[in-house]
Amino acid sequence: MSAARRVWIPVAAGVAVAAAVFAVVLLATSGGSGGDARAAGAQGSAPVPAAAAATGSAPTTTGRAAAAGRLVFAEMGCGSCHRLAAAGSSGPIGPSLDDALPRHTRASLLAKIRDPGTGSVMPGDFARRMSPAQLQALVGFLLAARHGGAG
């Protein structure tokens, strides 16, 4: 087996795994279980992190917002494509958010999520897959992660 062929096998396997994870996340977030994730997110209630529920202590408003945004990041499968230390993700497909976030503002993040642009592998309808509240929570989490405050 040639060296070039040995290199492509792990790459192809990684892409296949990432595609499978994305498909599972897509099915899970588009109501595959009978519920509508967007309707649940539109209620405006942020889930309480498991650690806070276990200790009985209520997290701060900032902590709840970061937890809600981190949850959206996980539920939407962002970590399967993007590397972000604050989320513990190491996705190999999209740009590293650890590198890209410092260059973004709230407005530029919203614009990029709403319209990833031609040539991007990020789905063009990604922002429409979540409620406005989920989108705002996600962007808030990303902005906090940019400053090291979401980890």
C-alpha atoms as a PDB file:
ATOM      1  CA  MET A   1       0.000   0.000   0.000  1.00  0.00           C
ATOM      2  CA  SER A   2       1.431   3.381  -0.946  1.00  0.00           C
ATOM      3  CA  ALA A   3       2.075   6.099   1.634  1.00  0.00           C
ATOM      4  CA  ALA A   4      -0.425   8.423  -0.069  1.00  0.00           C
ATOM      5  CA  ARG A   5      -3.151   5.779   0.177  1.00  0.00           C
ATOM      6  CA  ARG A   6      -2.409   5.221   3.888  1.00  0.00           C
ATOM      7  CA  VAL A   7      -2.823   8.956   4.557  1.00  0.00           C
ATOM      8  CA  TRP A   8      -6.163   9.185   2.743  1.00  0.00           C
ATOM      9  CA  ILE A   9      -7.762   6.281   4.620  1.00  0.00           C
ATOM     10  CA  PRO A  10      -7.717   8.083   8.036  1.00  0.00           C
ATOM     11  CA  VAL A  11      -8.816  11.332   6.419  1.00  0.00           C
ATOM     12  CA  ALA A  12     -11.722   9.632   4.650  1.00  0.00           C
ATOM     13  CA  ALA A  13     -12.676   7.830   7.860  1.00  0.00           C
ATOM     14  CA  GLY A  14     -12.610  11.126   9.786  1.00  0.00           C
ATOM     15  CA  VAL A  15     -14.822  12.833   7.216  1.00  0.00           C
ATOM     16  CA  ALA A  16     -17.231   9.876   7.277  1.00  0.00           C
ATOM     17  CA  VAL A  17     -17.452  10.007  11.075  1.00  0.00           C
ATOM     18  CA  ALA A  18     -18.005  13.775  11.022  1.00  0.00           C
ATOM     19  CA  ALA A  19     -20.742  13.373   8.394  1.00  0.00           C
ATOM     20  CA  ALA A  20     -22.431  10.682  10.483  1.00  0.00           C
ATOM     21  CA  VAL A  21     -22.294  12.859  13.614  1.00  0.00           C
ATOM     22  CA  PHE A  22     -23.697  15.801  11.665  1.00  0.00           C
ATOM     23  CA  ALA A  23     -26.548  13.621  10.344  1.00  0.00           C
ATOM     24  CA  VAL A  24     -27.408  12.428  13.862  1.00  0.00           C
ATOM     25  CA  VAL A  25     -27.371  15.995  15.195  1.00  0.00           C
ATOM     26  CA  LEU A  26     -29.473  17.148  12.250  1.00  0.00           C
ATOM     27  CA  LEU A  27     -32.074  14.458  12.909  1.00  0.00           C
ATOM     28  CA  ALA A  28     -32.062  15.138  16.638  1.00  0.00           C
ATOM     29  CA  THR A  29     -32.535  18.882  16.239  1.00  0.00           C
ATOM     30  CA  SER A  30     -35.122  18.792  13.466  1.00  0.00           C
ATOM     31  CA  GLY A  31     -37.832  17.086  15.476  1.00  0.00           C
ATOM     32  CA  GLY A  32     -36.925  13.460  14.757  1.00  0.00           C
ATOM     33  CA  SER A  33     -38.137  12.501  18.266  1.00  0.00           C
ATOM     34  CA  GLY A  34     -41.529  14.105  17.802  1.00  0.00           C
ATOM     35  CA  GLY A  35     -40.615  17.395  19.496  1.00  0.00           C
ATOM     36  CA  ASP A  36     -39.669  20.661  17.882  1.00  0.00           C
ATOM     37  CA  ALA A  37     -36.324  21.887  19.201  1.00  0.00           C
ATOM     38  CA  ARG A  38     -37.001  25.369  17.843  1.00  0.00           C
ATOM     39  CA  ALA A  39     -40.320  25.603  19.668  1.00  0.00           C
ATOM     40  CA  ALA A  40     -38.699  24.468  22.905  1.00  0.00           C
ATOM     41  CA  GLY A  41     -35.928  27.059  22.528  1.00  0.00           C
ATOM     42  CA  ALA A  42     -38.417  29.794  21.707  1.00  0.00           C
ATOM     43  CA  GLN A  43     -39.938  29.465  25.171  1.00  0.00           C
ATOM     44  CA  GLY A  44     -37.008  31.552  26.438  1.00  0.00           C
ATOM     45  CA  SER A  45     -36.153  29.329  29.392  1.00  0.00           C
ATOM     46  CA  ALA A  46     -32.516  28.396  29.652  1.00  0.00           C
ATOM     47  CA  PRO A  47     -31.773  24.964  31.088  1.00  0.00           C
ATOM     48  CA  VAL A  48     -30.006  24.839  34.425  1.00  0.00           C
ATOM     49  CA  PRO A  49     -26.613  23.155  34.122  1.00  0.00           C
ATOM     50  CA  ALA A  50     -26.457  19.695  35.721  1.00  0.00           C
ATOM     51  CA  ALA A  51     -23.817  20.825  38.240  1.00  0.00           C
ATOM     52  CA  ALA A  52     -26.065  23.626  39.487  1.00  0.00           C
ATOM     53  CA  ALA A  53     -29.068  21.332  39.674  1.00  0.00           C
ATOM     54  CA  ALA A  54     -27.066  18.785  41.670  1.00  0.00           C
ATOM     55  CA  THR A  55     -25.809  21.351  44.168  1.00  0.00           C
ATOM     56  CA  GLY A  56     -29.102  23.222  44.382  1.00  0.00           C
ATOM     57  CA  SER A  57     -27.366  26.515  43.699  1.00  0.00           C
ATOM     58  CA  ALA A  58     -28.654  28.807  40.999  1.00  0.00           C
ATOM     59  CA  PRO A  59     -25.994  29.961  38.558  1.00  0.00           C
ATOM     60  CA  THR A  60     -25.526  33.655  37.868  1.00  0.00           C
ATOM     61  CA  THR A  61     -27.319  35.253  34.919  1.00  0.00           C
ATOM     62  CA  THR A  62     -24.025  35.332  33.021  1.00  0.00           C
ATOM     63  CA  GLY A  63     -23.406  31.712  33.955  1.00  0.00           C
ATOM     64  CA  ARG A  64     -26.885  30.698  32.772  1.00  0.00           C
ATOM     65  CA  ALA A  65     -26.397  32.554  29.493  1.00  0.00           C
ATOM     66  CA  ALA A  66     -23.027  30.887  28.910  1.00  0.00           C
ATOM     67  CA  ALA A  67     -24.482  27.482  29.803  1.00  0.00           C
ATOM     68  CA  ALA A  68     -27.428  28.025  27.446  1.00  0.00           C
ATOM     69  CA  GLY A  69     -25.101  29.044  24.615  1.00  0.00           C
ATOM     70  CA  ARG A  70     -22.759  26.147  25.265  1.00  0.00           C
ATOM     71  CA  LEU A  71     -25.774  23.816  25.187  1.00  0.00           C
ATOM     72  CA  VAL A  72     -26.847  25.239  21.808  1.00  0.00           C
ATOM     73  CA  PHE A  73     -23.250  24.783  20.552  1.00  0.00           C
ATOM     74  CA  ALA A  74     -23.447  21.118  21.572  1.00  0.00           C
ATOM     75  CA  GLU A  75     -27.020  20.483  20.397  1.00  0.00           C
ATOM     76  CA  MET A  76     -26.389  22.010  16.989  1.00  0.00           C
ATOM     77  CA  GLY A  77     -23.253  19.903  16.540  1.00  0.00           C
ATOM     78  CA  CYS A  78     -20.915  22.888  16.150  1.00  0.00           C
ATOM     79  CA  GLY A  79     -18.105  20.994  17.883  1.00  0.00           C
ATOM     80  CA  SER A  80     -18.126  18.237  15.283  1.00  0.00           C
ATOM     81  CA  CYS A  81     -16.783  20.764  12.775  1.00  0.00           C
ATOM     82  CA  HIS A  82     -15.135  23.504  14.856  1.00  0.00           C
ATOM     83  CA  ARG A  83     -12.345  23.485  17.412  1.00  0.00           C
ATOM     84  CA  LEU A  84     -13.229  25.570  20.481  1.00  0.00           C
ATOM     85  CA  ALA A  85     -11.442  25.083  23.793  1.00  0.00           C
ATOM     86  CA  ALA A  86     -14.313  26.646  25.797  1.00  0.00           C
ATOM     87  CA  ALA A  87     -16.612  23.907  24.488  1.00  0.00           C
ATOM     88  CA  GLY A  88     -14.044  21.118  24.692  1.00  0.00           C
ATOM     89  CA  SER A  89     -14.436  20.497  20.960  1.00  0.00           C
ATOM     90  CA  SER A  90     -11.817  19.610  18.389  1.00  0.00           C
ATOM     91  CA  GLY A  91     -13.757  19.414  15.129  1.00  0.00           C
ATOM     92  CA  PRO A  92     -11.450  19.193  12.117  1.00  0.00           C
ATOM     93  CA  ILE A  93     -13.732  20.432   9.320  1.00  0.00           C
ATOM     94  CA  GLY A  94     -14.534  24.107   9.916  1.00  0.00           C
ATOM     95  CA  PRO A  95     -12.199  26.868  10.976  1.00  0.00           C
ATOM     96  CA  SER A  96     -10.809  26.817  14.497  1.00  0.00           C
ATOM     97  CA  LEU A  97     -13.018  29.167  16.470  1.00  0.00           C
ATOM     98  CA  ASP A  98     -10.200  29.674  18.950  1.00  0.00           C
ATOM     99  CA  ASP A  99      -8.330  31.373  16.090  1.00  0.00           C
ATOM    100  CA  ALA A 100     -11.282  33.039  14.327  1.00  0.00           C
ATOM    101  CA  LEU A 101     -13.367  34.454  17.202  1.00  0.00           C
ATOM    102  CA  PRO A 102     -11.006  37.275  18.220  1.00  0.00           C
ATOM    103  CA  ARG A 103     -11.654  38.887  14.814  1.00  0.00           C
ATOM    104  CA  HIS A 104     -15.447  38.823  15.225  1.00  0.00           C
ATOM    105  CA  THR A 105     -18.064  41.091  16.767  1.00  0.00           C
ATOM    106  CA  ARG A 106     -21.641  40.179  17.674  1.00  0.00           C
ATOM    107  CA  ALA A 107     -22.806  41.555  14.314  1.00  0.00           C
ATOM    108  CA  SER A 108     -20.179  39.711  12.282  1.00  0.00           C
ATOM    109  CA  LEU A 109     -20.890  36.404  14.078  1.00  0.00           C
ATOM    110  CA  LEU A 110     -24.619  36.744  13.466  1.00  0.00           C
ATOM    111  CA  ALA A 111     -23.962  37.549   9.806  1.00  0.00           C
ATOM    112  CA  LYS A 112     -21.598  34.573   9.371  1.00  0.00           C
ATOM    113  CA  ILE A 113     -24.010  32.129  11.037  1.00  0.00           C
ATOM    114  CA  ARG A 114     -26.983  33.452   9.061  1.00  0.00           C
ATOM    115  CA  ASP A 115     -25.109  33.406   5.740  1.00  0.00           C
ATOM    116  CA  PRO A 116     -21.898  31.339   5.816  1.00  0.00           C
ATOM    117  CA  GLY A 117     -21.105  32.322   2.236  1.00  0.00           C
ATOM    118  CA  THR A 118     -20.266  30.569  -0.991  1.00  0.00           C
ATOM    119  CA  GLY A 119     -17.764  27.764  -0.648  1.00  0.00           C
ATOM    120  CA  SER A 120     -18.457  27.232   3.050  1.00  0.00           C
ATOM    121  CA  VAL A 121     -19.333  23.704   4.169  1.00  0.00           C
ATOM    122  CA  MET A 122     -21.503  25.166   6.920  1.00  0.00           C
ATOM    123  CA  PRO A 123     -25.165  24.749   5.941  1.00  0.00           C
ATOM    124  CA  GLY A 124     -26.707  27.928   4.554  1.00  0.00           C
ATOM    125  CA  ASP A 125     -29.862  27.392   6.613  1.00  0.00           C
ATOM    126  CA  PHE A 126     -27.993  26.810   9.869  1.00  0.00           C
ATOM    127  CA  ALA A 127     -29.406  29.876  11.657  1.00  0.00           C
ATOM    128  CA  ARG A 128     -32.950  28.916  10.646  1.00  0.00           C
ATOM    129  CA  ARG A 129     -32.546  25.582  12.430  1.00  0.00           C
ATOM    130  CA  MET A 130     -32.645  27.310  15.812  1.00  0.00           C
ATOM    131  CA  SER A 131     -34.891  29.802  17.516  1.00  0.00           C
ATOM    132  CA  PRO A 132     -33.891  33.462  17.762  1.00  0.00           C
ATOM    133  CA  ALA A 133     -33.223  32.897  21.482  1.00  0.00           C
ATOM    134  CA  GLN A 134     -30.947  29.944  20.714  1.00  0.00           C
ATOM    135  CA  LEU A 135     -29.070  31.980  18.097  1.00  0.00           C
ATOM    136  CA  GLN A 136     -28.540  34.825  20.558  1.00  0.00           C
ATOM    137  CA  ALA A 137     -27.408  32.376  23.264  1.00  0.00           C
ATOM    138  CA  LEU A 138     -24.951  30.757  20.848  1.00  0.00           C
ATOM    139  CA  VAL A 139     -23.478  34.099  19.797  1.00  0.00           C
ATOM    140  CA  GLY A 140     -23.244  35.197  23.445  1.00  0.00           C
ATOM    141  CA  PHE A 141     -21.357  32.003  24.288  1.00  0.00           C
ATOM    142  CA  LEU A 142     -19.006  32.488  21.342  1.00  0.00           C
ATOM    143  CA  LEU A 143     -18.312  36.091  22.353  1.00  0.00           C
ATOM    144  CA  ALA A 144     -17.595  34.997  25.933  1.00  0.00           C
ATOM    145  CA  ALA A 145     -15.341  32.209  24.629  1.00  0.00           C
ATOM    146  CA  ARG A 146     -13.465  34.797  22.577  1.00  0.00           C
ATOM    147  CA  HIS A 147     -12.526  36.534  25.810  1.00  0.00           C
ATOM    148  CA  GLY A 148     -11.880  33.317  27.708  1.00  0.00           C
ATOM    149  CA  GLY A 149     -15.013  33.674  29.833  1.00  0.00           C
ATOM    150  CA  ALA A 150     -17.063  30.701  28.703  1.00  0.00           C
ATOM    151  CA  GLY A 151     -14.886  27.793  29.770  1.00  0.00           C
END
